[in-house]
Amino acid sequence: MTTTFKPIEKEDIAKLHFPAEDVLTDKHEIFQRKQDLEKAMAMGNTDHVKIEIFFEDDKNQLVANTTVWAVTPEHLVLKKGVTIPVNRIYRII
């Protein structure tokens, strides 16, 4: 079975509601997500590289193509202060 992620514009992410639960349960996947987010932040700040962020709000699985500006322990920060909770992100490419 293949999961389809709906595309969303970065500007629309601020309107979403995010539950507190983590979408990942495997410790290795959670560690890998942290490593990938740090790498995406470095690429975004140095080369302004856009990446695809696969995440989930309270209703849908979504994907956004954007530049990562910062990563905190709890949030991924995009341009114009838009944030996505780290625990709601499946993966980035």
N, C-alpha and C. Protein backbone atom coordinates (compact mmCIF):
# COMPACT_ATOMS: atom_id res chain seq x y z
N MET A 1 0.85 -1.18 0.00
CA MET A 1 0.00 0.00 0.00
C MET A 1 0.89 1.25 0.00
N THR A 2 0.58 2.20 -0.84
CA THR A 2 1.35 3.44 -0.94
C THR A 2 0.53 4.59 -0.37
N THR A 3 1.17 5.40 0.46
CA THR A 3 0.52 6.56 1.04
C THR A 3 0.73 7.75 0.12
N THR A 4 -0.33 8.51 -0.13
CA THR A 4 -0.23 9.70 -0.95
C THR A 4 -0.24 10.93 -0.07
N PHE A 5 0.77 11.75 -0.24
CA PHE A 5 0.87 13.00 0.51
C PHE A 5 0.35 14.13 -0.37
N LYS A 6 -0.56 14.94 0.18
CA LYS A 6 -1.13 16.06 -0.57
C LYS A 6 -0.18 17.25 -0.55
N PRO A 7 0.08 17.85 -1.70
CA PRO A 7 0.93 19.05 -1.72
C PRO A 7 0.26 20.22 -1.01
N ILE A 8 1.08 21.02 -0.34
CA ILE A 8 0.58 22.22 0.35
C ILE A 8 1.61 23.32 0.17
N GLU A 9 1.13 24.53 0.02
CA GLU A 9 2.02 25.69 -0.08
C GLU A 9 2.50 26.07 1.31
N LYS A 10 3.73 26.53 1.41
CA LYS A 10 4.32 26.91 2.68
C LYS A 10 3.43 27.90 3.44
N GLU A 11 2.85 28.84 2.74
CA GLU A 11 2.03 29.88 3.37
C GLU A 11 0.78 29.31 4.05
N ASP A 12 0.32 28.14 3.60
CA ASP A 12 -0.88 27.54 4.18
C ASP A 12 -0.60 26.69 5.42
N ILE A 13 0.66 26.40 5.68
CA ILE A 13 1.02 25.56 6.82
C ILE A 13 0.62 26.21 8.14
N ALA A 14 0.72 27.53 8.23
CA ALA A 14 0.38 28.25 9.46
C ALA A 14 -1.07 28.03 9.89
N LYS A 15 -1.94 27.66 8.97
CA LYS A 15 -3.36 27.46 9.27
C LYS A 15 -3.67 26.07 9.82
N LEU A 16 -2.67 25.18 9.83
CA LEU A 16 -2.89 23.79 10.21
C LEU A 16 -2.86 23.60 11.73
N HIS A 17 -3.49 22.52 12.17
CA HIS A 17 -3.45 22.13 13.59
C HIS A 17 -2.65 20.84 13.70
N PHE A 18 -1.70 20.81 14.64
CA PHE A 18 -0.83 19.66 14.80
C PHE A 18 -1.03 19.00 16.16
N PRO A 19 -1.39 17.71 16.17
CA PRO A 19 -1.48 16.98 17.44
C PRO A 19 -0.10 16.84 18.09
N ALA A 20 -0.06 16.48 19.35
CA ALA A 20 1.20 16.38 20.09
C ALA A 20 1.96 15.08 19.83
N GLU A 21 1.28 14.04 19.37
CA GLU A 21 1.92 12.74 19.19
C GLU A 21 2.94 12.76 18.06
N ASP A 22 3.98 11.95 18.21
CA ASP A 22 5.00 11.81 17.17
C ASP A 22 4.47 10.85 16.10
N VAL A 23 4.71 11.18 14.84
CA VAL A 23 4.29 10.31 13.74
C VAL A 23 5.23 9.11 13.58
N LEU A 24 6.42 9.21 14.17
CA LEU A 24 7.38 8.10 14.12
C LEU A 24 7.44 7.43 15.49
N THR A 25 7.65 6.11 15.49
CA THR A 25 7.77 5.38 16.75
C THR A 25 9.13 4.71 16.89
N ASP A 26 9.80 4.47 15.78
CA ASP A 26 11.10 3.80 15.80
C ASP A 26 12.21 4.78 16.18
N LYS A 27 13.02 4.43 17.18
CA LYS A 27 14.07 5.33 17.66
C LYS A 27 15.09 5.65 16.58
N HIS A 28 15.41 4.66 15.74
CA HIS A 28 16.37 4.90 14.65
C HIS A 28 15.80 5.91 13.65
N GLU A 29 14.52 5.79 13.30
CA GLU A 29 13.89 6.73 12.37
C GLU A 29 13.85 8.14 12.97
N ILE A 30 13.61 8.24 14.26
CA ILE A 30 13.57 9.54 14.92
C ILE A 30 14.96 10.18 14.91
N PHE A 31 16.00 9.38 15.18
CA PHE A 31 17.37 9.87 15.12
C PHE A 31 17.73 10.32 13.70
N GLN A 32 17.34 9.50 12.71
CA GLN A 32 17.64 9.83 11.31
C GLN A 32 16.93 11.12 10.89
N ARG A 33 15.69 11.30 11.35
CA ARG A 33 14.95 12.53 11.04
C ARG A 33 15.72 13.75 11.56
N LYS A 34 16.22 13.66 12.79
CA LYS A 34 16.97 14.77 13.38
C LYS A 34 18.21 15.08 12.53
N GLN A 35 18.94 14.06 12.12
CA GLN A 35 20.12 14.24 11.30
C GLN A 35 19.75 14.88 9.96
N ASP A 36 18.69 14.40 9.33
CA ASP A 36 18.25 14.92 8.04
C ASP A 36 17.82 16.39 8.14
N LEU A 37 17.15 16.74 9.23
CA LEU A 37 16.71 18.12 9.41
C LEU A 37 17.89 19.06 9.59
N GLU A 38 18.89 18.64 10.33
CA GLU A 38 20.10 19.45 10.52
C GLU A 38 20.80 19.67 9.17
N LYS A 39 20.88 18.62 8.38
CA LYS A 39 21.51 18.72 7.05
C LYS A 39 20.70 19.66 6.15
N ALA A 40 19.38 19.56 6.19
CA ALA A 40 18.51 20.42 5.38
C ALA A 40 18.67 21.88 5.78
N MET A 41 18.84 22.15 7.08
CA MET A 41 19.04 23.52 7.54
C MET A 41 20.36 24.06 7.00
N ALA A 42 21.40 23.27 7.05
CA ALA A 42 22.70 23.72 6.53
C ALA A 42 22.61 24.01 5.04
N MET A 43 21.94 23.14 4.29
CA MET A 43 21.80 23.34 2.84
C MET A 43 20.93 24.56 2.55
N GLY A 44 19.92 24.79 3.36
CA GLY A 44 19.04 25.94 3.16
C GLY A 44 19.74 27.25 3.44
N ASN A 45 20.57 27.27 4.46
CA ASN A 45 21.25 28.50 4.84
C ASN A 45 22.44 28.83 3.93
N THR A 46 23.11 27.83 3.41
CA THR A 46 24.29 28.10 2.58
C THR A 46 23.96 28.20 1.10
N ASP A 47 23.12 27.29 0.62
CA ASP A 47 22.84 27.23 -0.82
C ASP A 47 21.40 27.54 -1.19
N HIS A 48 20.55 27.81 -0.19
CA HIS A 48 19.11 28.08 -0.41
C HIS A 48 18.44 26.95 -1.18
N VAL A 49 18.82 25.72 -0.84
CA VAL A 49 18.26 24.52 -1.47
C VAL A 49 16.87 24.24 -0.90
N LYS A 50 15.92 23.99 -1.79
CA LYS A 50 14.58 23.61 -1.35
C LYS A 50 14.53 22.10 -1.20
N ILE A 51 13.77 21.65 -0.20
CA ILE A 51 13.60 20.23 0.04
C ILE A 51 12.11 19.92 0.16
N GLU A 52 11.78 18.64 0.04
CA GLU A 52 10.40 18.21 0.26
C GLU A 52 10.28 17.72 1.69
N ILE A 53 9.29 18.26 2.39
CA ILE A 53 9.04 17.89 3.78
C ILE A 53 7.73 17.10 3.81
N PHE A 54 7.80 15.85 4.25
CA PHE A 54 6.62 14.99 4.36
C PHE A 54 6.18 14.99 5.81
N PHE A 55 4.96 15.45 6.07
CA PHE A 55 4.49 15.61 7.45
C PHE A 55 2.99 15.37 7.54
N GLU A 56 2.47 15.42 8.75
CA GLU A 56 1.05 15.15 8.98
C GLU A 56 0.48 16.15 9.98
N ASP A 57 -0.69 16.70 9.63
CA ASP A 57 -1.40 17.55 10.59
C ASP A 57 -2.46 16.67 11.26
N ASP A 58 -3.55 17.25 11.74
CA ASP A 58 -4.59 16.46 12.40
C ASP A 58 -5.56 15.79 11.42
N LYS A 59 -5.41 16.07 10.11
CA LYS A 59 -6.35 15.52 9.13
C LYS A 59 -5.69 14.82 7.96
N ASN A 60 -4.54 15.31 7.51
CA ASN A 60 -3.95 14.82 6.26
C ASN A 60 -2.45 14.60 6.37
N GLN A 61 -1.96 13.78 5.44
CA GLN A 61 -0.53 13.66 5.23
C GLN A 61 -0.19 14.61 4.09
N LEU A 62 0.79 15.48 4.32
CA LEU A 62 1.07 16.58 3.41
C LEU A 62 2.54 16.61 3.01
N VAL A 63 2.82 17.31 1.91
CA VAL A 63 4.20 17.53 1.49
C VAL A 63 4.34 18.98 1.04
N ALA A 64 5.44 19.61 1.48
CA ALA A 64 5.73 20.99 1.09
C ALA A 64 7.15 21.03 0.53
N ASN A 65 7.34 21.83 -0.50
CA ASN A 65 8.65 22.01 -1.11
C ASN A 65 9.12 23.41 -0.75
N THR A 66 10.11 23.50 0.13
CA THR A 66 10.54 24.79 0.65
C THR A 66 11.95 24.73 1.21
N THR A 67 12.45 25.87 1.65
CA THR A 67 13.78 25.98 2.24
C THR A 67 13.66 25.97 3.76
N VAL A 68 14.52 25.20 4.42
CA VAL A 68 14.57 25.15 5.88
C VAL A 68 15.51 26.25 6.36
N TRP A 69 15.02 27.10 7.26
CA TRP A 69 15.84 28.19 7.79
C TRP A 69 16.47 27.85 9.13
N ALA A 70 15.73 27.10 9.97
CA ALA A 70 16.26 26.76 11.29
C ALA A 70 15.59 25.50 11.80
N VAL A 71 16.28 24.85 12.74
CA VAL A 71 15.72 23.67 13.40
C VAL A 71 15.95 23.86 14.90
N THR A 72 14.87 23.76 15.66
CA THR A 72 14.97 23.77 17.11
C THR A 72 14.65 22.35 17.57
N PRO A 73 14.80 22.04 18.85
CA PRO A 73 14.45 20.69 19.29
C PRO A 73 12.98 20.33 19.01
N GLU A 74 12.14 21.34 18.90
CA GLU A 74 10.71 21.05 18.73
C GLU A 74 10.10 21.51 17.41
N HIS A 75 10.76 22.42 16.68
CA HIS A 75 10.16 22.95 15.45
C HIS A 75 11.14 23.08 14.31
N LEU A 76 10.61 22.93 13.13
CA LEU A 76 11.32 23.23 11.89
C LEU A 76 10.82 24.60 11.48
N VAL A 77 11.74 25.54 11.25
CA VAL A 77 11.35 26.91 10.93
C VAL A 77 11.60 27.17 9.45
N LEU A 78 10.55 27.65 8.79
CA LEU A 78 10.62 27.98 7.37
C LEU A 78 10.61 29.50 7.21
N LYS A 79 10.66 29.97 6.00
CA LYS A 79 10.64 31.40 5.73
C LYS A 79 9.37 32.04 6.30
N LYS A 80 9.48 33.29 6.70
CA LYS A 80 8.38 34.09 7.25
C LYS A 80 7.85 33.52 8.57
N GLY A 81 8.70 32.79 9.30
CA GLY A 81 8.32 32.30 10.61
C GLY A 81 7.35 31.14 10.63
N VAL A 82 7.09 30.52 9.50
CA VAL A 82 6.20 29.36 9.45
C VAL A 82 6.93 28.19 10.10
N THR A 83 6.25 27.45 10.97
CA THR A 83 6.88 26.32 11.65
C THR A 83 6.07 25.04 11.48
N ILE A 84 6.79 23.93 11.58
CA ILE A 84 6.19 22.60 11.59
C ILE A 84 6.80 21.89 12.80
N PRO A 85 5.97 21.30 13.66
CA PRO A 85 6.54 20.54 14.78
C PRO A 85 7.39 19.38 14.25
N VAL A 86 8.58 19.23 14.80
CA VAL A 86 9.48 18.15 14.35
C VAL A 86 8.80 16.79 14.50
N ASN A 87 8.04 16.60 15.57
CA ASN A 87 7.43 15.29 15.80
C ASN A 87 6.30 14.96 14.82
N ARG A 88 5.95 15.87 13.95
CA ARG A 88 4.92 15.60 12.94
C ARG A 88 5.52 15.35 11.55
N ILE A 89 6.84 15.33 11.47
CA ILE A 89 7.54 15.12 10.19
C ILE A 89 7.93 13.67 10.04
N TYR A 90 7.57 13.09 8.89
CA TYR A 90 7.96 11.71 8.58
C TYR A 90 9.39 11.66 8.04
N ARG A 91 9.63 12.47 7.03
CA ARG A 91 10.95 12.47 6.39
C ARG A 91 11.09 13.72 5.53
N ILE A 92 12.31 13.95 5.10
CA ILE A 92 12.58 15.02 4.15
C ILE A 92 13.44 14.47 3.04
N ILE A 93 13.30 15.06 1.87
CA ILE A 93 14.09 14.64 0.70
C ILE A 93 14.68 15.88 0.05
